[in-house]
Amino acid sequence: MTPVIVDAIRTPIARIDGALRDLAAQALAATLIGAAVERSGLDPARIDEVILASATEPQGNLARRAVLDAGLPADVPATTIDRQCGGGLDAIRLAAALVAGGDAEVVLAGGVESATNSPIRGGAGRDTRRTGGFFPRAAFSGGGYDDPGMAESAEIIAAERGITRVRQDRFAAESHVRAAEASTDGVFTDEIVPITGDGVVIAHDSCPRPRLTEDRMARIPPLLHAEGTVTAGNSSQLADGGALALVCSPEMARRLRRPGLSVVASATAGVDPRVCGLGAVAAARRLAERHPRLVAAEADTVAFTEAFAAQVLATIDALALDRERVNPHGGSVGLGHPWAASGAIQVIRLFTDIARRHRYGSGLALAAIAGGLGTAMWVERWEPG
């Protein structure tokens, strides 16, 4: 059984401490769940599972709390996963596996993140022998492997793969321009669920900065050291937002009589955490090894989380991708990077371009993940027929 995504939606993406600052991840998720149910016309009792990803949620089982806040019946189960910035894509992958295996007919899956409200972690716990200061992120590796920060890992990749500062700045400027033009042209309109925050309805992304040209990028200092090439300009913007997909069986999709995406296959892979930004390369290659026709360079379009321009360019080079097919409407550098939501946002982008706008026949969603992981998912246009 080939699972079908029949709807894919997201919130507007807002800069950290921006338009969505007063809304916790739970509120963003509940809004998306309610919108997905309303748009589909499904009886909420037909939902077999809700799977949400979050990288920083401090409370217990975000998905369960969001399901109840959305007014779904208490007997609808929910699961929260943490796979960092790949989490939303992996939640959809898990939903597809449940449907393909016959264990579910309808699953809501995606990711949500409020970077604004993410906690600063501390080393102390119930065991009073453990002491330590506060730190901004959890550890992502173990077993003696290096655990560099994300910018440091991007610097390593840039140096080892020969990705110049000029290429990174050019890519980043293009991401902003593409995102801004897509917003102006209404490309995102049908995928965005307006959110009310602080009494104001927010219906547009706030991160794209089309005036941040390549020349202006070149004047931004490196993040880590004077000889570095990774800057705040050619890195993604911390952001708040969420994304959700409705995954169901082909039979249910036909009943809903809506075009969608068939989830053809997916794969995950691991790499040295030192170069975690190359995780998507390993995942795409594993996908092609298992399914020889699903070669990354043959996808009509590729949606890839742009944590850093350096790692995206290294992936484009390694997989021989056509730059024009990668994030044609911008990516996380221009649109913002709400961590666990970003992987799901790639699926939402593919859904709009393939199922809504009929621009392409096939698409590849990619995520490179902290800790040295990667996920790849191949989708194709599906018609109820």
Protein backbone atom coordinates (compact mmCIF):
# COMPACT_ATOMS: atom_id res chain seq x y z
CA MET A 1 0.00 0.00 0.00
CA THR A 2 1.44 3.37 -1.02
CA PRO A 3 0.58 6.14 1.47
CA VAL A 4 -0.82 9.40 0.11
CA ILE A 5 -0.40 12.92 1.48
CA VAL A 6 -3.71 14.66 0.74
CA ASP A 7 -3.03 17.99 2.44
CA ALA A 8 0.02 19.83 3.70
CA ILE A 9 -0.10 23.09 5.62
CA ARG A 10 2.08 25.33 7.72
CA THR A 11 2.00 28.43 9.83
CA PRO A 12 3.67 31.60 8.67
CA ILE A 13 7.35 31.50 9.60
CA ALA A 14 8.37 34.33 11.92
CA ARG A 15 11.75 35.48 13.13
CA ILE A 16 12.67 34.55 16.68
CA ASP A 17 11.15 37.09 19.09
CA GLY A 18 8.94 38.23 16.23
CA ALA A 19 5.28 37.99 15.26
CA LEU A 20 4.71 34.56 16.87
CA ARG A 21 6.63 35.26 20.08
CA ASP A 22 3.55 35.03 22.30
CA LEU A 23 2.52 31.59 21.01
CA ALA A 24 4.06 28.45 22.44
CA ALA A 25 4.71 25.45 20.21
CA GLN A 26 1.62 23.77 21.65
CA ALA A 27 -0.60 26.61 20.42
CA LEU A 28 0.94 26.55 16.94
CA ALA A 29 0.43 22.80 16.72
CA ALA A 30 -3.18 22.93 17.93
CA THR A 31 -4.01 25.56 15.32
CA LEU A 32 -2.58 23.39 12.54
CA ILE A 33 -4.37 20.26 13.75
CA GLY A 34 -7.69 22.09 13.86
CA ALA A 35 -7.13 23.55 10.40
CA ALA A 36 -6.18 20.17 8.92
CA VAL A 37 -9.35 18.55 10.24
CA GLU A 38 -11.55 21.41 9.05
CA ARG A 39 -10.00 21.54 5.57
CA SER A 40 -10.30 17.79 5.05
CA GLY A 41 -13.88 17.46 6.26
CA LEU A 42 -12.87 14.31 8.10
CA ASP A 43 -14.59 13.16 11.24
CA PRO A 44 -11.86 13.75 13.88
CA ALA A 45 -12.61 10.30 15.28
CA ARG A 46 -11.21 8.82 12.05
CA ILE A 47 -7.70 10.04 12.89
CA ASP A 48 -5.66 7.05 14.03
CA GLU A 49 -2.56 8.89 15.26
CA VAL A 50 -0.94 12.31 15.50
CA ILE A 51 2.87 12.42 15.34
CA LEU A 52 4.69 15.69 15.96
CA ALA A 53 8.36 16.54 16.23
CA SER A 54 9.94 19.18 18.43
CA ALA A 55 13.61 19.81 19.12
CA THR A 56 13.30 21.98 22.22
CA GLU A 57 9.83 21.51 23.75
CA PRO A 58 10.28 21.49 27.56
CA GLN A 59 6.89 20.01 28.46
CA GLY A 60 5.69 16.42 28.22
CA ASN A 61 4.33 14.97 24.94
CA LEU A 62 3.61 18.10 22.96
CA ALA A 63 1.53 16.20 20.40
CA ARG A 64 -0.90 14.89 23.01
CA ARG A 65 -1.45 18.30 24.54
CA ALA A 66 -1.96 19.87 21.10
CA VAL A 67 -4.50 17.20 20.12
CA LEU A 68 -6.58 17.97 23.19
CA ASP A 69 -6.22 21.73 22.73
CA ALA A 70 -7.45 21.33 19.15
CA GLY A 71 -10.65 19.73 20.43
CA LEU A 72 -10.04 16.27 19.02
CA PRO A 73 -11.58 13.33 20.91
CA ALA A 74 -9.56 12.11 23.87
CA ASP A 75 -9.25 8.68 22.28
CA VAL A 76 -7.09 10.04 19.42
CA PRO A 77 -3.52 9.00 20.35
CA ALA A 78 -0.49 11.22 19.87
CA THR A 79 3.28 10.85 19.89
CA THR A 80 6.10 13.40 20.10
CA ILE A 81 9.52 12.65 18.62
CA ASP A 82 12.88 14.42 18.76
CA ARG A 83 15.13 14.12 15.73
CA GLN A 84 16.18 17.73 15.83
CA CYS A 85 15.86 19.62 12.53
CA GLY A 86 14.87 16.47 10.65
CA GLY A 87 12.07 15.66 13.08
CA GLY A 88 9.15 16.96 11.02
CA LEU A 89 10.22 14.99 7.96
CA ASP A 90 10.75 11.88 10.05
CA ALA A 91 7.32 12.27 11.66
CA ILE A 92 5.79 12.17 8.18
CA ARG A 93 7.99 9.21 7.32
CA LEU A 94 6.72 7.35 10.40
CA ALA A 95 3.13 8.23 9.50
CA ALA A 96 3.65 6.82 6.01
CA ALA A 97 5.08 3.63 7.49
CA LEU A 98 2.02 3.18 9.73
CA VAL A 99 -0.30 3.58 6.76
CA ALA A 100 1.79 1.37 4.47
CA GLY A 101 1.83 -1.38 7.08
CA GLY A 102 -1.94 -1.28 7.56
CA ASP A 103 -1.70 -0.08 11.16
CA ALA A 104 -3.39 3.24 10.43
CA GLU A 105 -5.63 4.78 7.78
CA VAL A 106 -5.34 8.46 8.68
CA VAL A 107 -2.37 10.09 10.42
CA LEU A 108 -1.52 13.74 11.02
CA ALA A 109 2.23 14.30 11.15
CA GLY A 110 4.71 17.15 11.12
CA GLY A 111 6.81 19.36 13.34
CA VAL A 112 6.54 22.54 15.35
CA GLU A 113 9.00 24.83 17.08
CA SER A 114 8.98 28.03 19.06
CA ALA A 115 12.61 29.11 19.15
CA THR A 116 11.45 32.18 21.05
CA ASN A 117 10.12 30.06 23.90
CA SER A 118 12.75 27.31 23.81
CA PRO A 119 14.36 26.70 27.19
CA ILE A 120 17.93 27.39 28.20
CA ARG A 121 19.08 24.07 29.64
CA GLY A 122 20.94 23.55 32.88
CA GLY A 123 23.28 20.80 33.98
CA ALA A 124 21.72 20.24 37.39
CA GLY A 125 19.05 17.57 37.82
CA ARG A 126 17.43 15.50 40.53
CA ASP A 127 20.80 13.98 41.29
CA THR A 128 22.35 16.80 43.32
CA ARG A 129 25.84 15.46 42.62
CA ARG A 130 25.47 16.74 39.06
CA THR A 131 26.19 20.41 38.74
CA GLY A 132 26.90 22.65 35.84
CA GLY A 133 26.09 25.91 34.16
CA PHE A 134 23.45 26.69 31.61
CA PHE A 135 23.91 25.85 27.95
CA PRO A 136 21.91 26.71 24.81
CA ARG A 137 21.64 23.24 23.29
CA ALA A 138 21.77 19.59 24.20
CA ALA A 139 24.63 17.31 23.23
CA PHE A 140 24.13 15.60 19.87
CA SER A 141 26.84 12.94 19.86
CA GLY A 142 28.64 10.54 22.16
CA GLY A 143 31.04 7.64 22.12
CA GLY A 144 34.09 9.84 21.74
CA TYR A 145 32.87 11.57 18.57
CA ASP A 146 33.30 15.30 18.25
CA ASP A 147 30.18 17.34 18.90
CA PRO A 148 30.80 20.67 17.16
CA GLY A 149 28.27 23.44 17.06
CA MET A 150 26.28 23.68 13.87
CA ALA A 151 28.22 26.68 12.54
CA GLU A 152 31.51 24.97 13.33
CA SER A 153 30.40 21.87 11.46
CA ALA A 154 29.44 24.04 8.48
CA GLU A 155 32.91 25.62 8.56
CA ILE A 156 34.50 22.17 8.53
CA ILE A 157 32.40 21.15 5.53
CA ALA A 158 33.19 24.38 3.68
CA ALA A 159 36.92 23.92 4.23
CA GLU A 160 37.02 20.23 3.36
CA ARG A 161 34.73 20.54 0.32
CA GLY A 162 36.16 23.79 -1.03
CA ILE A 163 32.96 25.80 -0.63
CA THR A 164 34.03 29.44 -0.89
CA ARG A 165 32.59 32.42 0.93
CA VAL A 166 31.53 33.89 -2.42
CA ARG A 167 29.46 30.81 -3.30
CA GLN A 168 27.83 30.78 0.12
CA ASP A 169 26.91 34.45 -0.03
CA ARG A 170 25.53 34.11 -3.55
CA PHE A 171 23.41 31.13 -2.54
CA ALA A 172 22.08 32.93 0.53
CA ALA A 173 21.15 36.05 -1.41
CA GLU A 174 19.32 33.88 -3.96
CA SER A 175 17.40 32.15 -1.16
CA HIS A 176 16.09 35.48 0.13
CA VAL A 177 15.14 36.70 -3.35
CA ARG A 178 13.41 33.44 -4.28
CA ALA A 179 11.43 33.39 -1.03
CA ALA A 180 10.38 37.03 -1.36
CA GLU A 181 9.32 36.61 -4.99
CA ALA A 182 7.34 33.47 -4.17
CA SER A 183 5.54 35.29 -1.37
CA THR A 184 4.71 38.22 -3.65
CA ASP A 185 3.47 35.85 -6.36
CA GLY A 186 1.16 34.03 -3.94
CA VAL A 187 2.98 30.71 -4.17
CA PHE A 188 2.65 30.13 -0.42
CA THR A 189 -0.93 31.34 -0.01
CA ASP A 190 -2.73 27.98 0.01
CA GLU A 191 -0.22 26.29 2.30
CA ILE A 192 -0.21 28.95 5.03
CA VAL A 193 -2.75 28.82 7.86
CA PRO A 194 -3.09 32.35 9.29
CA ILE A 195 -2.29 32.63 12.99
CA THR A 196 -3.59 35.21 15.45
CA GLY A 197 -0.84 36.52 17.69
CA ASP A 198 -1.08 39.47 20.06
CA GLY A 199 -4.44 40.35 18.53
CA VAL A 200 -3.04 40.53 15.00
CA VAL A 201 -3.66 38.03 12.19
CA ILE A 202 -0.34 36.84 10.78
CA ALA A 203 -0.60 35.37 7.29
CA HIS A 204 2.81 35.98 5.74
CA ASP A 205 6.40 34.94 6.39
CA SER A 206 8.54 37.64 7.96
CA CYS A 207 12.08 36.37 7.35
CA PRO A 208 12.83 37.03 3.64
CA ARG A 209 15.09 40.04 3.09
CA PRO A 210 15.43 40.52 -0.67
CA ARG A 211 17.57 43.62 -0.22
CA LEU A 212 20.25 41.54 1.49
CA THR A 213 22.25 41.34 -1.72
CA GLU A 214 25.44 39.42 -2.35
CA ASP A 215 27.44 42.64 -1.90
CA ARG A 216 25.84 43.27 1.47
CA MET A 217 26.38 39.64 2.44
CA ALA A 218 30.09 40.08 1.79
CA ARG A 219 30.30 42.76 4.50
CA ILE A 220 28.95 40.51 7.27
CA PRO A 221 31.76 39.20 9.52
CA PRO A 222 32.36 35.45 9.98
CA LEU A 223 30.69 33.84 12.98
CA LEU A 224 33.64 31.92 14.40
CA HIS A 225 37.01 33.31 13.31
CA ALA A 226 38.52 35.88 10.96
CA GLU A 227 39.35 33.33 8.26
CA GLY A 228 35.94 31.70 8.43
CA THR A 229 33.36 31.68 5.64
CA VAL A 230 30.16 30.98 7.60
CA THR A 231 28.30 34.15 8.59
CA ALA A 232 24.94 35.12 9.99
CA GLY A 233 24.03 36.13 6.45
CA ASN A 234 24.68 32.78 4.78
CA SER A 235 23.15 30.82 7.65
CA SER A 236 19.49 30.16 8.37
CA GLN A 237 17.48 32.50 10.58
CA LEU A 238 16.20 31.20 13.91
CA ALA A 239 12.44 31.16 13.66
CA ASP A 240 9.07 30.08 15.05
CA GLY A 241 6.60 27.99 13.07
CA GLY A 242 5.01 24.64 12.39
CA ALA A 243 4.01 22.35 9.54
CA LEU A 244 1.61 19.42 9.24
CA ALA A 245 0.71 16.79 6.64
CA LEU A 246 -2.39 14.62 6.38
CA VAL A 247 -1.22 11.12 5.44
CA CYS A 248 -3.76 8.46 4.57
CA SER A 249 -4.41 5.25 2.70
CA PRO A 250 -5.12 5.37 -1.06
CA GLU A 251 -8.69 4.28 -0.34
CA MET A 252 -9.26 7.20 2.02
CA ALA A 253 -7.54 9.58 -0.41
CA ARG A 254 -9.91 8.48 -3.17
CA ARG A 255 -12.87 9.08 -0.88
CA LEU A 256 -11.64 12.59 -0.20
CA ARG A 257 -11.28 13.08 -3.99
CA ARG A 258 -8.24 15.30 -3.70
CA PRO A 259 -4.92 15.26 -5.59
CA GLY A 260 -1.88 14.67 -3.45
CA LEU A 261 1.55 13.12 -3.14
CA SER A 262 2.29 9.42 -3.00
CA VAL A 263 5.12 8.62 -0.59
CA VAL A 264 7.14 6.31 -2.83
CA ALA A 265 10.08 5.56 -0.54
CA SER A 266 12.34 7.05 2.12
CA ALA A 267 15.64 6.39 3.83
CA THR A 268 17.69 7.55 6.77
CA ALA A 269 21.44 7.35 7.28
CA GLY A 270 24.19 8.36 9.67
CA VAL A 271 27.51 10.17 9.17
CA ASP A 272 30.30 11.41 11.42
CA PRO A 273 28.71 14.07 13.69
CA ARG A 274 31.67 16.30 12.86
CA VAL A 275 30.17 16.78 9.38
CA CYS A 276 26.49 16.44 10.26
CA GLY A 277 25.54 18.73 7.38
CA LEU A 278 26.37 15.90 4.96
CA GLY A 279 23.73 13.59 6.42
CA ALA A 280 21.36 14.26 3.53
CA VAL A 281 23.99 13.04 1.06
CA ALA A 282 24.22 9.69 2.83
CA ALA A 283 20.42 9.38 3.06
CA ALA A 284 19.89 10.18 -0.63
CA ARG A 285 22.53 7.64 -1.62
CA ARG A 286 20.99 4.98 0.59
CA LEU A 287 17.60 5.68 -0.97
CA ALA A 288 19.07 5.17 -4.45
CA GLU A 289 20.86 1.98 -3.38
CA ARG A 290 17.57 0.49 -2.21
CA HIS A 291 15.51 1.90 -5.09
CA PRO A 292 17.76 2.32 -8.15
CA ARG A 293 15.34 4.55 -10.08
CA LEU A 294 15.15 7.09 -7.25
CA VAL A 295 18.37 8.97 -7.98
CA ALA A 296 18.53 12.41 -6.40
CA ALA A 297 19.69 14.15 -9.57
CA GLU A 298 16.67 12.75 -11.44
CA ALA A 299 14.05 14.33 -9.14
CA ASP A 300 12.06 17.09 -10.81
CA THR A 301 12.53 19.28 -7.75
CA VAL A 302 14.38 19.03 -4.42
CA ALA A 303 13.30 20.59 -1.13
CA PHE A 304 16.21 20.76 1.31
CA THR A 305 16.49 22.37 4.74
CA GLU A 306 19.01 25.20 4.35
CA ALA A 307 20.58 25.31 7.79
CA PHE A 308 23.75 26.74 6.24
CA ALA A 309 24.56 27.61 2.65
CA ALA A 310 27.82 25.66 2.95
CA GLN A 311 26.16 22.32 3.67
CA VAL A 312 23.53 22.79 0.95
CA LEU A 313 26.20 23.59 -1.64
CA ALA A 314 28.27 20.60 -0.53
CA THR A 315 25.19 18.40 -0.95
CA ILE A 316 24.42 19.85 -4.38
CA ASP A 317 27.99 19.08 -5.44
CA ALA A 318 28.05 15.57 -3.96
CA LEU A 319 24.73 14.52 -5.51
CA ALA A 320 25.24 16.39 -8.81
CA LEU A 321 21.99 18.32 -8.30
CA ASP A 322 20.80 21.08 -10.60
CA ARG A 323 20.83 24.26 -8.49
CA GLU A 324 17.73 25.54 -10.30
CA ARG A 325 15.76 22.53 -9.08
CA VAL A 326 16.81 22.93 -5.44
CA ASN A 327 14.47 25.10 -3.35
CA PRO A 328 13.10 27.05 -6.33
CA HIS A 329 11.08 29.22 -3.95
CA GLY A 330 13.78 29.71 -1.34
CA GLY A 331 14.70 27.73 1.74
CA SER A 332 15.54 28.15 5.40
CA VAL A 333 18.20 30.82 4.80
CA GLY A 334 15.54 33.09 3.36
CA LEU A 335 12.37 31.72 4.95
CA GLY A 336 13.68 30.91 8.44
CA HIS A 337 14.50 27.67 10.25
CA PRO A 338 12.02 26.61 12.95
CA TRP A 339 14.12 23.50 13.73
CA ALA A 340 11.83 20.46 14.02
CA ALA A 341 9.26 22.04 11.71
CA SER A 342 11.74 22.54 8.88
CA GLY A 343 11.80 18.93 7.69
CA ALA A 344 8.01 18.95 7.42
CA ILE A 345 8.12 22.31 5.65
CA GLN A 346 10.09 20.63 2.86
CA VAL A 347 7.16 18.26 2.32
CA ILE A 348 4.71 21.16 2.37
CA ARG A 349 6.79 22.91 -0.31
CA LEU A 350 6.77 19.79 -2.48
CA PHE A 351 3.02 19.40 -1.97
CA THR A 352 2.37 22.93 -3.18
CA ASP A 353 4.63 22.69 -6.22
CA ILE A 354 3.59 19.18 -7.27
CA ALA A 355 0.01 18.59 -6.08
CA ARG A 356 -1.38 22.13 -5.95
CA ARG A 357 0.45 23.89 -8.78
CA HIS A 358 1.24 20.83 -10.95
CA ARG A 359 4.69 22.18 -11.69
CA TYR A 360 6.50 18.86 -11.28
CA GLY A 361 5.87 15.13 -11.26
CA SER A 362 8.36 14.03 -8.61
CA GLY A 363 10.16 15.54 -5.66
CA LEU A 364 12.82 14.73 -3.10
CA ALA A 365 12.71 16.06 0.47
CA LEU A 366 16.06 16.15 2.24
CA ALA A 367 17.20 16.97 5.76
CA ALA A 368 20.67 16.96 7.30
CA ILE A 369 20.39 16.56 11.04
CA ALA A 370 22.40 17.44 14.15
CA GLY A 371 24.33 14.50 15.51
CA GLY A 372 25.27 13.22 12.06
CA LEU A 373 21.97 12.01 10.58
CA GLY A 374 20.09 12.47 7.35
CA THR A 375 16.65 11.71 5.91
CA ALA A 376 15.46 11.51 2.31
CA MET A 377 11.89 11.04 1.07
CA TRP A 378 10.78 10.61 -2.55
CA VAL A 379 7.26 11.69 -3.47
CA GLU A 380 5.30 11.76 -6.73
CA ARG A 381 2.09 13.36 -7.93
CA TRP A 382 -1.03 11.33 -7.11
CA GLU A 383 -4.47 11.75 -8.64
CA PRO A 384 -7.66 10.23 -7.19
CA GLY A 385 -8.54 8.70 -10.57
